[in-house]
PDB file of N, CA and C in Angstrom:
ATOM      1  N   MET A   1      83.585-150.636  59.152  1.00  0.00           N
ATOM      2  CA  MET A   1      84.463-149.998  58.353  1.00  0.00           C
ATOM      3  C   MET A   1      84.899-149.025  59.677  1.00  0.00           C
ATOM      4  N   ALA A   2      86.217-149.296  59.955  1.00  0.00           N
ATOM      5  CA  ALA A   2      86.808-148.619  61.180  1.00  0.00           C
ATOM      6  C   ALA A   2      86.981-146.959  60.655  1.00  0.00           C
ATOM      7  N   ARG A   3      86.989-145.920  61.860  1.00  0.00           N
ATOM      8  CA  ARG A   3      86.832-144.801  61.746  1.00  0.00           C
ATOM      9  C   ARG A   3      88.555-144.524  61.396  1.00  0.00           C
ATOM     10  N   ALA A   4      88.501-143.491  60.516  1.00  0.00           N
ATOM     11  CA  ALA A   4      90.230-142.839  60.367  1.00  0.00           C
ATOM     12  C   ALA A   4      90.512-141.949  61.755  1.00  0.00           C
ATOM     13  N   SER A   5      91.567-142.461  61.880  1.00  0.00           N
ATOM     14  CA  SER A   5      92.027-141.804  63.182  1.00  0.00           C
ATOM     15  C   SER A   5      92.335-139.896  62.695  1.00  0.00           C
ATOM     16  N   THR A   6      91.851-139.169  63.970  1.00  0.00           N
ATOM     17  CA  THR A   6      91.802-137.942  63.644  1.00  0.00           C
ATOM     18  C   THR A   6      93.465-137.206  63.301  1.00  0.00           C
ATOM     19  N   THR A   7      94.007-137.867  63.479  1.00  0.00           N
ATOM     20  CA  THR A   7      95.847-137.433  63.129  1.00  0.00           C
ATOM     21  C   THR A   7      96.159-138.129  62.084  1.00  0.00           C
ATOM     22  N   SER A   8      95.241-138.721  61.047  1.00  0.00           N
ATOM     23  CA  SER A   8      95.337-138.937  59.698  1.00  0.00           C
ATOM     24  C   SER A   8      94.724-138.525  58.640  1.00  0.00           C
ATOM     25  N   ASP A   9      93.505-137.840  59.192  1.00  0.00           N
ATOM     26  CA  ASP A   9      92.134-137.606  58.171  1.00  0.00           C
ATOM     27  C   ASP A   9      92.288-135.952  58.725  1.00  0.00           C
ATOM     28  N   ALA A  10      92.063-135.274  57.523  1.00  0.00           N
ATOM     29  CA  ALA A  10      91.605-133.743  57.845  1.00  0.00           C
ATOM     30  C   ALA A  10      90.196-133.884  57.911  1.00  0.00           C
ATOM     31  N   PHE A  11      89.153-134.387  57.496  1.00  0.00           N
ATOM     32  CA  PHE A  11      88.008-134.160  57.560  1.00  0.00           C
ATOM     33  C   PHE A  11      87.589-134.981  59.064  1.00  0.00           C
ATOM     34  N   ASN A  12      88.345-135.400  59.492  1.00  0.00           N
ATOM     35  CA  ASN A  12      88.066-135.817  61.155  1.00  0.00           C
ATOM     36  C   ASN A  12      88.692-134.994  62.126  1.00  0.00           C
ATOM     37  N   ALA A  13      89.708-134.282  61.435  1.00  0.00           N
ATOM     38  CA  ALA A  13      90.702-133.395  62.599  1.00  0.00           C
ATOM     39  C   ALA A  13      89.571-132.084  62.781  1.00  0.00           C
ATOM     40  N   VAL A  14      88.911-131.705  61.580  1.00  0.00           N
ATOM     41  CA  VAL A  14      88.197-130.464  61.640  1.00  0.00           C
ATOM     42  C   VAL A  14      86.847-130.766  62.053  1.00  0.00           C
ATOM     43  N   ALA A  15      86.354-131.985  62.602  1.00  0.00           N
ATOM     44  CA  ALA A  15      85.018-132.546  63.048  1.00  0.00           C
ATOM     45  C   ALA A  15      84.947-131.750  64.576  1.00  0.00           C
ATOM     46  N   GLU A  16      86.212-131.669  65.140  1.00  0.00           N
ATOM     47  CA  GLU A  16      86.620-131.187  66.743  1.00  0.00           C
ATOM     48  C   GLU A  16      86.032-129.455  66.280  1.00  0.00           C
ATOM     49  N   PRO A  17      85.144-129.028  67.185  1.00  0.00           N
ATOM     50  CA  PRO A  17      84.709-127.820  67.160  1.00  0.00           C
ATOM     51  C   PRO A  17      86.007-126.763  67.512  1.00  0.00           C
ATOM     52  N   ARG A  18      86.839-126.964  68.361  1.00  0.00           N
ATOM     53  CA  ARG A  18      87.977-126.201  69.021  1.00  0.00           C
ATOM     54  C   ARG A  18      88.696-126.119  67.809  1.00  0.00           C
ATOM     55  N   ARG A  19      89.285-127.481  66.679  1.00  0.00           N
ATOM     56  CA  ARG A  19      90.293-127.460  65.903  1.00  0.00           C
ATOM     57  C   ARG A  19      89.493-126.103  64.889  1.00  0.00           C
ATOM     58  N   ARG A  20      88.524-126.188  64.496  1.00  0.00           N
ATOM     59  CA  ARG A  20      87.721-125.163  63.460  1.00  0.00           C
ATOM     60  C   ARG A  20      87.598-123.871  63.909  1.00  0.00           C
ATOM     61  N   GLU A  21      87.569-123.511  65.581  1.00  0.00           N
ATOM     62  CA  GLU A  21      88.494-122.418  65.517  1.00  0.00           C
ATOM     63  C   GLU A  21      89.506-121.988  65.788  1.00  0.00           C
ATOM     64  N   ILE A  22      90.631-122.742  65.720  1.00  0.00           N
ATOM     65  CA  ILE A  22      91.941-122.561  65.763  1.00  0.00           C
ATOM     66  C   ILE A  22      92.116-122.322  64.277  1.00  0.00           C
ATOM     67  N   LEU A  23      91.462-123.359  63.532  1.00  0.00           N
ATOM     68  CA  LEU A  23      91.765-122.730  62.355  1.00  0.00           C
ATOM     69  C   LEU A  23      90.958-121.510  61.520  1.00  0.00           C
ATOM     70  N   THR A  24      90.153-121.208  61.941  1.00  0.00           N
ATOM     71  CA  THR A  24      89.388-119.795  61.606  1.00  0.00           C
ATOM     72  C   THR A  24      90.301-118.739  62.345  1.00  0.00           C
ATOM     73  N   TYR A  25      90.847-118.697  63.838  1.00  0.00           N
ATOM     74  CA  TYR A  25      91.731-117.790  64.255  1.00  0.00           C
ATOM     75  C   TYR A  25      92.780-117.676  63.145  1.00  0.00           C
ATOM     76  N   LEU A  26      93.235-118.685  62.386  1.00  0.00           N
ATOM     77  CA  LEU A  26      94.550-118.708  62.190  1.00  0.00           C
ATOM     78  C   LEU A  26      94.328-118.371  60.376  1.00  0.00           C
ATOM     79  N   ALA A  27      93.011-118.353  60.088  1.00  0.00           N
ATOM     80  CA  ALA A  27      92.895-117.733  58.218  1.00  0.00           C
ATOM     81  C   ALA A  27      93.326-116.428  58.184  1.00  0.00           C
ATOM     82  N   GLY A  28      93.452-115.751  59.072  1.00  0.00           N
ATOM     83  CA  GLY A  28      93.909-113.934  59.066  1.00  0.00           C
ATOM     84  C   GLY A  28      95.426-114.068  58.621  1.00  0.00           C
ATOM     85  N   THR A  29      96.013-114.416  59.904  1.00  0.00           N
ATOM     86  CA  THR A  29      97.361-114.667  59.610  1.00  0.00           C
ATOM     87  C   THR A  29      98.142-115.409  60.735  1.00  0.00           C
ATOM     88  N   GLU A  30      99.355-115.377  60.917  1.00  0.00           N
ATOM     89  CA  GLU A  30     100.335-116.415  61.317  1.00  0.00           C
ATOM     90  C   GLU A  30     100.183-116.193  62.784  1.00  0.00           C
ATOM     91  N   ARG A  31      99.938-116.545  63.718  1.00  0.00           N
ATOM     92  CA  ARG A  31     100.000-116.228  65.119  1.00  0.00           C
ATOM     93  C   ARG A  31     100.683-116.946  65.920  1.00  0.00           C
ATOM     94  N   PRO A  32     101.042-116.617  67.145  1.00  0.00           N
ATOM     95  CA  PRO A  32     102.045-117.673  68.034  1.00  0.00           C
ATOM     96  C   PRO A  32     100.815-118.361  69.568  1.00  0.00           C
ATOM     97  N   VAL A  33     101.438-119.625  69.751  1.00  0.00           N
ATOM     98  CA  VAL A  33     100.752-120.269  70.349  1.00  0.00           C
ATOM     99  C   VAL A  33      99.739-119.614  71.665  1.00  0.00           C
ATOM    100  N   GLY A  34     100.749-118.472  72.341  1.00  0.00           N
ATOM    101  CA  GLY A  34     100.222-117.894  73.230  1.00  0.00           C
ATOM    102  C   GLY A  34      98.993-116.643  72.798  1.00  0.00           C
ATOM    103  N   GLU A  35      99.070-116.662  71.491  1.00  0.00           N
ATOM    104  CA  GLU A  35      97.955-115.724  71.290  1.00  0.00           C
ATOM    105  C   GLU A  35      96.760-116.315  70.505  1.00  0.00           C
ATOM    106  N   ILE A  36      96.617-117.204  70.408  1.00  0.00           N
ATOM    107  CA  ILE A  36      95.741-118.575  70.248  1.00  0.00           C
ATOM    108  C   ILE A  36      95.094-119.138  71.493  1.00  0.00           C
ATOM    109  N   VAL A  37      95.655-119.289  72.421  1.00  0.00           N
ATOM    110  CA  VAL A  37      95.529-119.505  74.151  1.00  0.00           C
ATOM    111  C   VAL A  37      94.645-118.333  74.345  1.00  0.00           C
ATOM    112  N   SER A  38      95.178-117.120  74.067  1.00  0.00           N
ATOM    113  CA  SER A  38      94.335-115.747  75.086  1.00  0.00           C
ATOM    114  C   SER A  38      93.046-115.548  74.081  1.00  0.00           C
ATOM    115  N   ALA A  39      93.390-115.649  72.786  1.00  0.00           N
ATOM    116  CA  ALA A  39      92.148-115.273  71.764  1.00  0.00           C
ATOM    117  C   ALA A  39      91.328-115.937  71.941  1.00  0.00           C
ATOM    118  N   LEU A  40      91.463-117.389  71.967  1.00  0.00           N
ATOM    119  CA  LEU A  40      90.200-118.399  72.451  1.00  0.00           C
ATOM    120  C   LEU A  40      89.613-118.817  73.420  1.00  0.00           C
ATOM    121  N   GLY A  41      90.442-118.360  74.935  1.00  0.00           N
ATOM    122  CA  GLY A  41      90.095-118.769  76.430  1.00  0.00           C
ATOM    123  C   GLY A  41      90.228-120.229  76.186  1.00  0.00           C
ATOM    124  N   LEU A  42      91.319-120.886  75.507  1.00  0.00           N
ATOM    125  CA  LEU A  42      91.378-122.442  75.906  1.00  0.00           C
ATOM    126  C   LEU A  42      92.835-122.592  76.530  1.00  0.00           C
ATOM    127  N   GLU A  43      92.903-123.682  77.365  1.00  0.00           N
ATOM    128  CA  GLU A  43      94.293-123.718  78.090  1.00  0.00           C
ATOM    129  C   GLU A  43      95.508-124.011  77.127  1.00  0.00           C
ATOM    130  N   GLN A  44      96.783-123.484  77.487  1.00  0.00           N
ATOM    131  CA  GLN A  44      97.408-123.947  76.177  1.00  0.00           C
ATOM    132  C   GLN A  44      97.873-125.289  76.357  1.00  0.00           C
ATOM    133  N   PRO A  45      97.966-126.418  77.356  1.00  0.00           N
ATOM    134  CA  PRO A  45      98.120-127.751  76.635  1.00  0.00           C
ATOM    135  C   PRO A  45      96.874-128.369  75.555  1.00  0.00           C
ATOM    136  N   SER A  46      95.726-127.827  75.628  1.00  0.00           N
ATOM    137  CA  SER A  46      94.707-127.866  74.688  1.00  0.00           C
ATOM    138  C   SER A  46      95.003-127.643  73.579  1.00  0.00           C
ATOM    139  N   VAL A  47      95.427-126.418  73.336  1.00  0.00           N
ATOM    140  CA  VAL A  47      95.607-125.589  71.875  1.00  0.00           C
ATOM    141  C   VAL A  47      97.098-126.282  71.172  1.00  0.00           C
ATOM    142  N   SER A  48      98.039-126.805  72.332  1.00  0.00           N
ATOM    143  CA  SER A  48      99.041-127.342  71.820  1.00  0.00           C
ATOM    144  C   SER A  48      98.629-128.601  70.938  1.00  0.00           C
ATOM    145  N   LYS A  49      97.664-129.391  71.685  1.00  0.00           N
ATOM    146  CA  LYS A  49      97.049-130.748  71.289  1.00  0.00           C
ATOM    147  C   LYS A  49      96.506-130.317  69.867  1.00  0.00           C
ATOM    148  N   HIS A  50      95.941-129.606  69.937  1.00  0.00           N
ATOM    149  CA  HIS A  50      94.994-129.569  68.851  1.00  0.00           C
ATOM    150  C   HIS A  50      95.639-128.898  67.531  1.00  0.00           C
ATOM    151  N   LEU A  51      96.644-128.307  68.025  1.00  0.00           N
ATOM    152  CA  LEU A  51      97.879-128.083  66.904  1.00  0.00           C
ATOM    153  C   LEU A  51      98.202-128.666  66.199  1.00  0.00           C
ATOM    154  N   ARG A  52      98.807-129.445  67.530  1.00  0.00           N
ATOM    155  CA  ARG A  52      99.621-131.077  66.630  1.00  0.00           C
ATOM    156  C   ARG A  52      98.586-131.865  65.826  1.00  0.00           C
ATOM    157  N   VAL A  53      97.575-132.231  65.896  1.00  0.00           N
ATOM    158  CA  VAL A  53      96.343-132.884  65.134  1.00  0.00           C
ATOM    159  C   VAL A  53      96.488-131.863  63.948  1.00  0.00           C
ATOM    160  N   LEU A  54      96.340-130.572  63.861  1.00  0.00           N
ATOM    161  CA  LEU A  54      96.029-130.039  62.607  1.00  0.00           C
ATOM    162  C   LEU A  54      97.530-129.902  61.801  1.00  0.00           C
ATOM    163  N   ARG A  55      98.473-129.752  62.554  1.00  0.00           N
ATOM    164  CA  ARG A  55      99.334-129.936  61.545  1.00  0.00           C
ATOM    165  C   ARG A  55     100.052-131.301  61.480  1.00  0.00           C
ATOM    166  N   ASN A  56      99.837-132.547  61.941  1.00  0.00           N
ATOM    167  CA  ASN A  56      99.943-133.970  61.750  1.00  0.00           C
ATOM    168  C   ASN A  56      99.652-134.039  60.132  1.00  0.00           C
ATOM    169  N   VAL A  57      97.708-133.347  59.985  1.00  0.00           N
ATOM    170  CA  VAL A  57      97.390-133.698  58.444  1.00  0.00           C
ATOM    171  C   VAL A  57      97.478-133.019  57.855  1.00  0.00           C
ATOM    172  N   GLY A  58      98.376-131.576  58.104  1.00  0.00           N
ATOM    173  CA  GLY A  58      98.753-130.711  57.200  1.00  0.00           C
ATOM    174  C   GLY A  58      98.189-129.253  57.138  1.00  0.00           C
ATOM    175  N   LEU A  59      96.945-128.853  58.035  1.00  0.00           N
ATOM    176  CA  LEU A  59      96.267-128.359  58.047  1.00  0.00           C
ATOM    177  C   LEU A  59      96.802-126.792  58.096  1.00  0.00           C
ATOM    178  N   VAL A  60      97.758-127.102  59.202  1.00  0.00           N
ATOM    179  CA  VAL A  60      98.696-125.537  59.365  1.00  0.00           C
ATOM    180  C   VAL A  60      99.974-126.423  59.441  1.00  0.00           C
ATOM    181  N   ARG A  61     100.377-125.122  59.360  1.00  0.00           N
ATOM    182  CA  ARG A  61     102.313-125.121  59.291  1.00  0.00           C
ATOM    183  C   ARG A  61     102.620-124.268  60.404  1.00  0.00           C
ATOM    184  N   MET A  62     103.785-124.777  60.965  1.00  0.00           N
ATOM    185  CA  MET A  62     104.279-124.200  61.961  1.00  0.00           C
ATOM    186  C   MET A  62     105.796-123.771  61.362  1.00  0.00           C
ATOM    187  N   ARG A  63     106.447-122.678  61.778  1.00  0.00           N
ATOM    188  CA  ARG A  63     107.831-122.145  61.815  1.00  0.00           C
ATOM    189  C   ARG A  63     108.032-121.715  63.335  1.00  0.00           C
ATOM    190  N   CYS A  64     109.302-121.660  63.496  1.00  0.00           N
ATOM    191  CA  CYS A  64     109.807-121.373  64.970  1.00  0.00           C
ATOM    192  C   CYS A  64     110.739-119.757  64.580  1.00  0.00           C
ATOM    193  N   HIS A  65     110.279-118.956  65.398  1.00  0.00           N
ATOM    194  CA  HIS A  65     110.976-117.360  65.362  1.00  0.00           C
ATOM    195  C   HIS A  65     111.753-117.668  66.766  1.00  0.00           C
ATOM    196  N   GLY A  66     113.008-117.379  66.822  1.00  0.00           N
ATOM    197  CA  GLY A  66     113.389-117.571  68.242  1.00  0.00           C
ATOM    198  C   GLY A  66     112.884-118.681  69.031  1.00  0.00           C
ATOM    199  N   ARG A  67     112.458-118.752  70.296  1.00  0.00           N
ATOM    200  CA  ARG A  67     111.766-119.755  71.026  1.00  0.00           C
ATOM    201  C   ARG A  67     110.381-119.590  70.823  1.00  0.00           C
ATOM    202  N   GLN A  68     109.750-118.976  69.744  1.00  0.00           N
ATOM    203  CA  GLN A  68     108.037-119.147  69.750  1.00  0.00           C
ATOM    204  C   GLN A  68     107.629-120.051  68.435  1.00  0.00           C
ATOM    205  N   LYS A  69     106.888-120.370  68.545  1.00  0.00           N
ATOM    206  CA  LYS A  69     106.521-121.245  67.547  1.00  0.00           C
ATOM    207  C   LYS A  69     105.049-120.284  67.240  1.00  0.00           C
ATOM    208  N   LEU A  70     105.318-120.266  65.358  1.00  0.00           N
ATOM    209  CA  LEU A  70     104.089-119.830  65.151  1.00  0.00           C
ATOM    210  C   LEU A  70     103.320-120.520  64.174  1.00  0.00           C
ATOM    211  N   TYR A  71     102.065-120.535  63.899  1.00  0.00           N
ATOM    212  CA  TYR A  71     101.439-121.480  63.278  1.00  0.00           C
ATOM    213  C   TYR A  71     100.858-120.685  62.311  1.00  0.00           C
ATOM    214  N   ARG A  72     100.269-120.975  61.079  1.00  0.00           N
ATOM    215  CA  ARG A  72      99.158-120.621  60.039  1.00  0.00           C
ATOM    216  C   ARG A  72      98.707-121.688  59.336  1.00  0.00           C
ATOM    217  N   THR A  73      97.506-121.433  58.507  1.00  0.00           N
ATOM    218  CA  THR A  73      96.819-122.028  57.780  1.00  0.00           C
ATOM    219  C   THR A  73      97.409-122.445  56.359  1.00  0.00           C
ATOM    220  N   ASN A  74      97.507-123.835  56.231  1.00  0.00           N
ATOM    221  CA  ASN A  74      97.983-124.215  55.017  1.00  0.00           C
ATOM    222  C   ASN A  74      96.622-124.896  53.891  1.00  0.00           C
ATOM    223  N   ALA A  75      96.870-123.537  53.222  1.00  0.00           N
ATOM    224  CA  ALA A  75      95.494-123.231  51.885  1.00  0.00           C
ATOM    225  C   ALA A  75      95.494-124.525  51.101  1.00  0.00           C
ATOM    226  N   GLU A  76      96.799-125.101  50.622  1.00  0.00           N
ATOM    227  CA  GLU A  76      96.490-126.120  49.925  1.00  0.00           C
ATOM    228  C   GLU A  76      95.809-127.295  50.730  1.00  0.00           C
ATOM    229  N   ALA A  77      96.326-127.527  51.799  1.00  0.00           N
ATOM    230  CA  ALA A  77      95.601-128.990  52.128  1.00  0.00           C
ATOM    231  C   ALA A  77      94.052-128.712  52.973  1.00  0.00           C
ATOM    232  N   ILE A  78      93.612-127.322  52.967  1.00  0.00           N
ATOM    233  CA  ILE A  78      92.242-126.965  53.188  1.00  0.00           C
ATOM    234  C   ILE A  78      91.471-126.830  51.998  1.00  0.00           C
ATOM    235  N   ARG A  79      91.884-127.008  50.853  1.00  0.00           N
ATOM    236  CA  ARG A  79      91.067-126.881  49.496  1.00  0.00           C
ATOM    237  C   ARG A  79      90.330-128.442  49.509  1.00  0.00           C
ATOM    238  N   PRO A  80      90.523-129.490  49.944  1.00  0.00           N
ATOM    239  CA  PRO A  80      89.313-130.364  49.556  1.00  0.00           C
ATOM    240  C   PRO A  80      88.407-130.278  50.480  1.00  0.00           C
ATOM    241  N   LEU A  81      88.530-129.791  51.674  1.00  0.00           N
ATOM    242  CA  LEU A  81      87.311-129.645  52.382  1.00  0.00           C
ATOM    243  C   LEU A  81      86.622-128.425  52.227  1.00  0.00           C
ATOM    244  N   HIS A  82      87.327-127.364  51.275  1.00  0.00           N
ATOM    245  CA  HIS A  82      86.234-126.625  50.590  1.00  0.00           C
ATOM    246  C   HIS A  82      85.677-127.103  49.367  1.00  0.00           C
ATOM    247  N   ASP A  83      86.436-127.880  48.658  1.00  0.00           N
ATOM    248  CA  ASP A  83      85.889-128.452  47.629  1.00  0.00           C
ATOM    249  C   ASP A  83      84.467-129.408  47.747  1.00  0.00           C
ATOM    250  N   TRP A  84      85.000-129.996  48.746  1.00  0.00           N
ATOM    251  CA  TRP A  84      83.631-131.227  49.039  1.00  0.00           C
ATOM    252  C   TRP A  84      82.505-130.335  49.714  1.00  0.00           C
ATOM    253  N   ALA A  85      82.553-129.068  50.317  1.00  0.00           N
ATOM    254  CA  ALA A  85      81.454-128.366  51.040  1.00  0.00           C
ATOM    255  C   ALA A  85      80.961-127.926  49.779  1.00  0.00           C
ATOM    256  N   ALA A  86      81.626-127.100  48.570  1.00  0.00           N
ATOM    257  CA  ALA A  86      81.150-126.480  47.758  1.00  0.00           C
ATOM    258  C   ALA A  86      80.436-127.638  46.626  1.00  0.00           C
ATOM    259  N   THR A  87      80.230-128.964  47.002  1.00  0.00           N
ATOM    260  CA  THR A  87      79.274-129.607  46.298  1.00  0.00           C
ATOM    261  C   THR A  87      77.964-129.379  47.049  1.00  0.00           C
ATOM    262  N   PHE A  88      77.595-128.851  48.246  1.00  0.00           N
ATOM    263  CA  PHE A  88      76.384-128.396  48.673  1.00  0.00           C
ATOM    264  C   PHE A  88      76.036-127.247  48.211  1.00  0.00           C
ATOM    265  N   GLU A  89      76.934-126.469  47.828  1.00  0.00           N
ATOM    266  CA  GLU A  89      76.638-124.654  47.459  1.00  0.00           C
ATOM    267  C   GLU A  89      75.327-124.659  46.492  1.00  0.00           C
ATOM    268  N   ARG A  90      74.906-125.399  45.757  1.00  0.00           N
ATOM    269  CA  ARG A  90      73.397-125.344  45.061  1.00  0.00           C
ATOM    270  C   ARG A  90      72.807-125.376  46.237  1.00  0.00           C
ATOM    271  N   TYR A  91      72.532-125.590  47.050  1.00  0.00           N
ATOM    272  CA  TYR A  91      71.624-125.813  48.315  1.00  0.00           C
ATOM    273  C   TYR A  91      71.456-124.146  48.837  1.00  0.00           C
ATOM    274  N   TRP A  92      72.579-124.033  49.177  1.00  0.00           N
ATOM    275  CA  TRP A  92      72.826-122.724  49.873  1.00  0.00           C
ATOM    276  C   TRP A  92      72.377-121.461  49.086  1.00  0.00           C
ATOM    277  N   GLN A  93      72.735-121.583  47.557  1.00  0.00           N
ATOM    278  CA  GLN A  93      72.537-120.639  46.697  1.00  0.00           C
ATOM    279  C   GLN A  93      71.091-120.301  46.591  1.00  0.00           C
ATOM    280  N   HIS A  94      70.115-121.816  46.287  1.00  0.00           N
ATOM    281  CA  HIS A  94      69.194-121.764  46.466  1.00  0.00           C
ATOM    282  C   HIS A  94      68.598-120.824  47.266  1.00  0.00           C
ATOM    283  N   GLN A  95      68.909-120.875  48.643  1.00  0.00           N
ATOM    284  CA  GLN A  95      68.382-120.130  49.723  1.00  0.00           C
ATOM    285  C   GLN A  95      68.409-118.809  49.489  1.00  0.00           C
ATOM    286  N   LEU A  96      69.761-118.710  49.598  1.00  0.00           N
ATOM    287  CA  LEU A  96      70.072-117.129  49.355  1.00  0.00           C
ATOM    288  C   LEU A  96      69.487-116.299  48.161  1.00  0.00           C
ATOM    289  N   ASN A  97      69.397-117.112  46.732  1.00  0.00           N
ATOM    290  CA  ASN A  97      68.326-116.060  45.779  1.00  0.00           C
ATOM    291  C   ASN A  97      66.806-116.254  46.301  1.00  0.00           C
ATOM    292  N   ARG A  98      66.495-117.231  46.900  1.00  0.00           N
ATOM    293  CA  ARG A  98      64.955-116.921  47.655  1.00  0.00           C
ATOM    294  C   ARG A  98      64.955-115.649  49.016  1.00  0.00           C
ATOM    295  N   VAL A  99      66.102-115.561  49.612  1.00  0.00           N
ATOM    296  CA  VAL A  99      66.229-114.614  50.479  1.00  0.00           C
ATOM    297  C   VAL A  99      66.576-112.933  49.727  1.00  0.00           C
ATOM    298  N   LYS A 100      66.944-113.082  48.699  1.00  0.00           N
ATOM    299  CA  LYS A 100      67.610-111.939  48.038  1.00  0.00           C
ATOM    300  C   LYS A 100      66.286-111.783  47.479  1.00  0.00           C
ATOM    301  N   GLU A 101      65.601-112.403  46.645  1.00  0.00           N
ATOM    302  CA  GLU A 101      64.059-112.118  46.079  1.00  0.00           C
ATOM    303  C   GLU A 101      62.901-111.676  47.056  1.00  0.00           C
ATOM    304  N   LEU A 102      63.033-112.107  48.247  1.00  0.00           N
ATOM    305  CA  LEU A 102      62.202-111.531  49.235  1.00  0.00           C
ATOM    306  C   LEU A 102      62.270-110.369  49.725  1.00  0.00           C
ATOM    307  N   ALA A 103      63.420-110.153  50.024  1.00  0.00           N
ATOM    308  CA  ALA A 103      64.225-108.824  50.163  1.00  0.00           C
ATOM    309  C   ALA A 103      63.740-107.976  49.278  1.00  0.00           C
ATOM    310  N   GLU A 104      64.274-107.640  47.882  1.00  0.00           N
ATOM    311  CA  GLU A 104      63.908-107.163  46.870  1.00  0.00           C
ATOM    312  C   GLU A 104      62.680-106.600  46.734  1.00  0.00           C
ATOM    313  N   SER A 105      61.451-107.757  47.031  1.00  0.00           N
ATOM    314  CA  SER A 105      60.337-107.621  46.956  1.00  0.00           C
ATOM    315  C   SER A 105      59.464-106.716  48.152  1.00  0.00           C
ATOM    316  N   THR A 106      60.264-106.587  49.418  1.00  0.00           N
ATOM    317  CA  THR A 106      59.705-105.779  50.068  1.00  0.00           C
ATOM    318  C   THR A 106      60.376-104.748  49.975  1.00  0.00           C
ATOM    319  N   VAL A 107      61.388-104.446  49.692  1.00  0.00           N
ATOM    320  CA  VAL A 107      61.785-103.061  49.214  1.00  0.00           C
ATOM    321  C   VAL A 107      60.958-102.533  48.255  1.00  0.00           C
ATOM    322  N   HIS A 108      60.316-103.033  47.066  1.00  0.00           N
ATOM    323  CA  HIS A 108      60.014-102.486  45.969  1.00  0.00           C
ATOM    324  C   HIS A 108      58.606-102.226  46.553  1.00  0.00           C
ATOM    325  N   GLN A 109      57.771-103.312  47.564  1.00  0.00           N
ATOM    326  CA  GLN A 109      56.460-102.670  48.289  1.00  0.00           C
ATOM    327  C   GLN A 109      56.737-101.682  49.088  1.00  0.00           C
ATOM    328  N   SER A 110      57.772-101.464  49.844  1.00  0.00           N
ATOM    329  CA  SER A 110      57.741-100.420  50.819  1.00  0.00           C
ATOM    330  C   SER A 110      57.965 -98.861  50.263  1.00  0.00           C
ATOM    331  N   SER A 111      58.633 -99.180  48.835  1.00  0.00           N
ATOM    332  CA  SER A 111      58.927 -98.082  47.969  1.00  0.00           C
ATOM    333  C   SER A 111      57.690 -97.286  47.562  1.00  0.00           C
ATOM    334  N   ALA A 112      56.813 -98.574  47.122  1.00  0.00           N
ATOM    335  CA  ALA A 112      55.511 -98.665  46.379  1.00  0.00           C
ATOM    336  C   ALA A 112      54.390 -97.816  47.470  1.00  0.00           C
ATOM    337  N   ASP A 113      54.948 -97.979  48.383  1.00  0.00           N
ATOM    338  CA  ASP A 113      53.877 -97.546  49.522  1.00  0.00           C
ATOM    339  C   ASP A 113      54.147 -96.117  49.907  1.00  0.00           C
ATOM    340  N   SER A 114      55.411 -95.942  49.950  1.00  0.00           N
ATOM    341  CA  SER A 114      55.961 -94.517  50.148  1.00  0.00           C
ATOM    342  C   SER A 114      56.057 -93.593  49.144  1.00  0.00           C
ATOM    343  N   ASN A 115      55.510 -93.873  48.448  1.00  0.00           N
ATOM    344  CA  ASN A 115      55.129 -93.164  46.949  1.00  0.00           C
ATOM    345  C   ASN A 115      53.511 -92.305  46.606  1.00  0.00           C
ATOM    346  N   ALA A 116      52.918 -93.468  47.524  1.00  0.00           N
ATOM    347  CA  ALA A 116      51.297 -93.298  47.127  1.00  0.00           C
ATOM    348  C   ALA A 116      51.067 -92.137  47.941  1.00  0.00           C
ATOM    349  N   ALA A 117      50.025 -91.582  47.316  1.00  0.00           N
ATOM    350  CA  ALA A 117      49.328 -90.539  48.480  1.00  0.00           C
ATOM    351  C   ALA A 117      49.022 -90.772  49.308  1.00  0.00           C
ATOM    352  N   PRO A 118      49.574 -90.034  50.599  1.00  0.00           N
ATOM    353  CA  PRO A 118      48.662 -90.092  52.190  1.00  0.00           C
ATOM    354  C   PRO A 118      47.393 -90.179  52.213  1.00  0.00           C
ATOM    355  N   LYS A 119      47.024 -91.176  52.878  1.00  0.00           N
ATOM    356  CA  LYS A 119      45.652 -90.995  53.252  1.00  0.00           C
ATOM    357  C   LYS A 119      45.413 -89.970  54.534  1.00  0.00           C
ATOM    358  N   PRO A 120      44.140 -89.072  54.053  1.00  0.00           N
ATOM    359  CA  PRO A 120      44.127 -88.285  55.193  1.00  0.00           C
ATOM    360  C   PRO A 120      43.535 -88.926  56.420  1.00  0.00           C
ATOM    361  N   THR A 121      44.494 -88.374  57.745  1.00  0.00           N
ATOM    362  CA  THR A 121      44.084 -88.846  59.319  1.00  0.00           C
ATOM    363  C   THR A 121      42.266 -88.322  59.560  1.00  0.00           C
ATOM    364  N   PRO A 122      41.817 -89.274  60.030  1.00  0.00           N
ATOM    365  CA  PRO A 122      40.699 -88.578  60.473  1.00  0.00           C
ATOM    366  C   PRO A 122      40.643 -87.724  61.627  1.00  0.00           C
ATOM    367  N   ASN A 123      39.725 -86.496  61.865  1.00  0.00           N
ATOM    368  CA  ASN A 123      39.827 -85.411  62.842  1.00  0.00           C
ATOM    369  C   ASN A 123      39.042 -86.447  64.151  1.00  0.00           C
ATOM    370  N   PRO A 124      39.676 -86.257  65.033  1.00  0.00           N
ATOM    371  CA  PRO A 124      39.090 -86.886  66.081  1.00  0.00           C
ATOM    372  C   PRO A 124      38.141 -86.090  66.911  1.00  0.00           C
ATOM    373  N   LYS A 125      37.901 -84.953  66.447  1.00  0.00           N
ATOM    374  CA  LYS A 125      36.556 -84.041  66.934  1.00  0.00           C
ATOM    375  C   LYS A 125      35.392 -84.210  66.112  1.00  0.00           C
ATOM    376  N   GLU A 126      35.952 -84.667  65.018  1.00  0.00           N
ATOM    377  CA  GLU A 126      34.803 -84.914  63.823  1.00  0.00           C
ATOM    378  C   GLU A 126      33.599 -85.811  64.201  1.00  0.00           C
ATOM    379  N   LYS A 127      32.570 -85.755  64.080  1.00  0.00           N
ATOM    380  CA  LYS A 127      31.565 -86.819  64.446  1.00  0.00           C
ATOM    381  C   LYS A 127      31.302 -87.884  63.330  1.00  0.00           C
ATOM    382  N   ARG A 128      31.046 -89.037  63.460  1.00  0.00           N
ATOM    383  CA  ARG A 128      30.852 -89.952  62.619  1.00  0.00           C
ATOM    384  C   ARG A 128      29.621 -90.300  62.273  1.00  0.00           C
TER     385      ARG A 128
END
């Protein structure tokens, strides 16, 4: 079975770590290319290439403002990625519940220990 091109499939597009970085950075707000370059410490041609791939698969949208190109994420196109990952949420939830239970039992134990009467400390000058 042939692998889908990164320019036609959102899952393959986000398989590239730098593209995921760019998507994460764009999640907050619309940003110009130069800001993405500066913030992520990548070369401008590399950022432009990754943005082109993300745009081709629909994960980001671009608009021009004067000579500047502004990019933002496309929530509708990201939804299939989210829905697929949500399939595995039960595994994460199970682990999170275990961590929560352990933390709560630790807190209860600490609280019980601090409420107990303090033990007398031995006087080092006394003979045993």
